[in-house]
Structure formats: structure tokens, C-alpha cells
Amino acid sequence: MTSGAGWEEQVFLPITNSISSEDNNQIKIGSSVSIEYNQNGQHVSQIDDKGLHNILVLTGYAIDESTGELVPTFDPCDYVKGILISGKILKGNHFKIIGIPSNKLYIIRKKDVHGNITFSLPIKNFNTGTYQVDLRDKVTSFVSLDRDVAKTIVDNVLAKIYAKIYNSLNKEQKDKLYRDVEEIFNYYSIKSLKSNP
């Protein structure tokens, strides 16, 4: 990607315990979000023989793991990490951020990312009409991925999104990818203190 160039439209895919791969280039997150990825698209987040690159960290958010939606918490200590992939949100509430300069985003393990990025986020909408977030009786908690979950995410999700590159990796490089997912992706989830959220 040359400096100043734009990226095709991206979707923020939170890497959490609640993602799974579906048929027809689709990924499901919880019960409410479905994303379709473009396997031949130009993804901002990349994998190669050295691992994962261009991971987006959204601070001030937690994820509702039951629905798969992001919830703004306004707590700078809360965060969700994920990847930016070429695609669109098929199911679930979302909003779009248009043309944000890549240097304004909190991206870790940067590699060849320049220019403006347009992407959509799956976001929780508690009411119709005016956007409201009710944080009463809610608590966030830190979650990390274990080795088995990381391996499942790589084999069932990343291997499909990045099929050409993934299939060219040797066993040692795939093991590095498993370690990357396990070590890099942790996040905050949000839950209700009440029995019926």
C-alpha cells in the first residue's frame, strides 16, 4: 500500500471466544452479528511467515460475548482487539467510520499500513431512535484466549480469511500464528450484574 492511498472498505472483527466460521465466507460473532469477508480482498490486517500484523485495539469498549456486539464503556482501561478485514456486516447493528487516517488508530504490530481507512463496527444498540448505552448494573472483566481456542480461531477463521497465505505456511510458521493469537488477543467483556441482562 503506497502512502496516501485508501483501503477498500473494512470490517472490525473482534477476536474473542465467541467467533466461529460459517459457510459462504461468513463469520458469526455471538448470537447477533454475522460478517461476510472478501477472501480475495485487500485486508488491512495481514498474516505472513512472521505472524500477525496491523491489529486494531479499540479502547473504551467491551464486548457482549452473548451477542457479539461492542459496547462503549467510556473506561479507557477497557479494550477489544481485533483485525480489519475486507468485507461487510450482514447481520447486527453497526456504525461506519469513514476515511480515518491510519495514524489516528491504535494499531499494534504495524506493517505497511498508510492512508485512510473506512471500516464498520458491530455495536450494541439498546434502544431505537436516539443511541443510548445503559451501563447501570454492568461490569467488565478481562478475558484471555487459551491455546485450544487460539488454535480453533486460526484453523477455522483465519485460515479461511487468509487461505492463500495460510496454505503456504509451514508447520513452524503456523505454530507461531497459534502463539500470536493466544498471546496478543485479550479483551474486556461486559456482563450484567442482574440475572436477566
Foldseek 3Di string as FASTA:
>chain_A
DDAADEFAEWAWQFQDLQWFDDPPQWIAQAAWWIWHADLPGDWQWDQALQATFFKFKDAQWAAARNRRAIERNNDRVFITITTIGHTGIPGADKDKDPFDFPVVTDTPRHDPDHGTYIYMGRHDAPDPDDGDHDCPQKDKDKFADDLVSLLNCCVGPVCRSNVVRNVPHDPVSVVSHSVCRRPPGMGIHMDGNDPPD
